[in-house]
Amino acid sequence: MMEVPCKILAVCLLLVGAQAFAAVDAARSSKELTWQSLFFDAVTGNLQQPMADELLEFEDCTALYTVDNIEILLVAGYKIRRCGNLESKDIERYLERQDAVYTKRNFERELVNCALRESHHDNRQCYVDTVLNLFSSVRPYRYDRRRRNACIFREVEKAVIKLNAASISLANCIAQSQPQPLPPQNSTLPPPPQNTTAGGPGWNTTAFPNTNTTPNFTLTTVSPNWNTTADGPWWGNNSTQGPWWGNTTTQGPWWGNTTTQGPWWGNNSTEGPWWGNNSTQGPWWGNNSTEGPWWGNNSTQGPWWGNNSTEGPWWGNNSTEGPWWGNNSTQGPWWGNNSTEGPWWGNNSTEGPWWGNNSTQGPWWGNNSTDGPWWGNNSTQGPWWGNNSTQGPWWGNNSTEGPWWGNNSTEGPWWENNSTQGPWWGNNSTEGPWWGNNSTQGPWWGNNSTEGPWWGNNSTEGPWWENNSTQGPWWGNNSTEGPWWGNNSTQGPWWGNNSTEGPWWGNNSTEGPWWGNNSTEGPWWGNNSTQGPWWGNNSTQGPWWGNNSTEGPWWGNNSTQGPWWGNNSTEGPWWGNNSTQGPWWGNNSTEGPWWGNNSTAGPNWNSTTLGPNFNSTQGPWLGNSTQGPQNTTEGPWWNNTTASWNTTTVDDRSTTEGNWFDHLMNEIGSLF
């Protein structure tokens, strides 16, 4: 209910500071230029427009705001007099006969009382009654008072709306004209070049507050330069996020971007580290996906090429989970497996990463086992070779447990033993093939674990080293699963992780193979994420570098999960498979990570439906893509004129024709 007086007061203060009104009697002190006084002058027809030369000492935004508000008051006063069926000369003659000073001060006093009204309607009605009382003194009303009351009320409300709009325009104008602080000179952010049309004012820009502005005399648009440390993945920044080096940024790995999500460059995305994507999730280029980093995929899961998968990074798998190749498994990263779990190759197992196995568990090769990663075994457990055992990874054994060599035992992979436990040396264990362990299960060394072949672990499961985990083959982990190293995770093979899953390194994650991550999933490095394989990320998903994002490292995918290529899998990165799992290449898949293909199978060189070419509309590549790094509105890059170094706006005084003030008044008048 106080909008009108507040807006008028703002105008008053502006004009008092500039001494802008010729109509104001010089004999009056500036303190009399209250909003009540200005409103009285507008209603009686005595308010005058400022002259053009009176506005020169104003700043551009202030001058424009002053003109707008005076115009609003003039129009409102004119229409209010029409509501009362009065002319300004009628009111002037009345004031000449009466005590004009007393009449005006009495009018102003009533307006002050109106401003104290609590109700919005009562406040407005009080202003209307004050005006009607003045008009009745000029010409008594015998009828139609209700109609006149409604008309004046309507014009007061219109004035409020226009004054509010003028206030918003002033705020926007001031915000745009504020000089931006220059960044320091030690950043490695590349400067934007001069060839794009995206972003700020370029060489020929005439940027003003709006189309009706007064001249911007020497407005200089500040641009990103060598000194900026505002955001994004790059180097020489103290930010807290993305994939890059020497940065503690809060966003993503790239350089010259002010986006809100991931590590990349030239993206309009909201999430991950990549470039040339309109996605909402992961790091890659040439994708409209919502998740991970890869290229040329329409998948819903992971970063790869030639896959329709929904999940993770691997190759050659029909699996549903992890990163590997040649697997029909449903879980992990490996190759040649129909398993359902882990990363390996040549297995039909359901668990781990290995090759040549039909097992259901771990990563190995040549096994039909159900457990771990090994080779040449039909066992059901672990990773080894030349074994028909049911446990672990070893070689030359018909045992039922672990991976080792030179044994006919029933347990693990090792040598010179007819034992029933495992292949190793220097162990008091009861189970698997390994060495330097007090474990009860598998083949490994330096472990107190209870399972599987590995070394340096106190775990209870598979083959690995320096782990306290409970599962698979790996090293340097306290995890509970899978082969990896340097992790406290509970799952797979990796190193340097405290995660709970999968093979990777340097992660505190809970899943998958990677390194340097505190994530909860997938293979990658340097991440605190919760998902896939990548590096230098605190994200929650896939493989990439230097990001605190929430998803995965890949590029060119419409997937929702992880980094891989060329799979029909549902999980990971692999190649050469019709699987449902991982990332690969040379597949007849319908998804995977690649560039320049709109196909449904995968990147190849002789297909008429695949392959990046110069007229493609798909992936990020050298040629004519619609995805890859482009002239976005996000950040400074090399072919962009979004903020250049010597950019200045045009001095409007040198180009404007005619009387600018009359022209401005005509523009404003058209609003009414």
Foldseek 3Di string as FASTA:
>chain_A
DCLQQVLLQVLLVLCLVLVFFPLDDPVDDSVVSHSLLVLVCLQLVSGDQGDPVSCPVPAFLSSVLNRQLSLLSNVLNVQLCVLLVHDSVLLVVLCVVDVVVVLSVVLSVQLVVLSPDDDPVSSLLSNLVSSVVSSCSSPNDPDDPVSSSVSNSVSSVVSSVSSVVSVVLSVQQVVQQDADDAADQAAPFDFFDQFDPFADFFAAFFDHSDPQTDWPAWRFHFFHDRGDQQAAAEAPHAACFAFHPNYRRAEERDGFFDAQEYADFQECENYYRDFQEPEPYYHDWFAPAPFYAFAFFAAAEAAFAFANAFAAAAACEQAAAEHDHCDQAPAEQDDCEVEPHAADHVDPEPHAHHHVEPEHHYHDYVEPAPAYHDYCEPAHAEHDHCEPARAYHAHPEPANHYGAHPEPENAEHAHPDPYNAEHEDPECECHEADYCEPEDYYRYDCEPAPEAADDCEPAPYYHYYVEPAPYYRDACEPEPEDHDDVEPAPYYHDYVYPAPEAHDDCDCAHYYHDYVYPAPEAHDYVEVAPEYHAYCYPAPYAHYRGGPTPHYYHHHYNHHHHHAFFEHAHHHHYYDHPHNYHHGAPWQAQTTGDAQANGGGGADDPDPRGHRDQCGAGTDDPHDYSGGNDAHNTGRDYHYSNRDDRHIHDRVVVPDDDDSSVVSSVVSVVVD
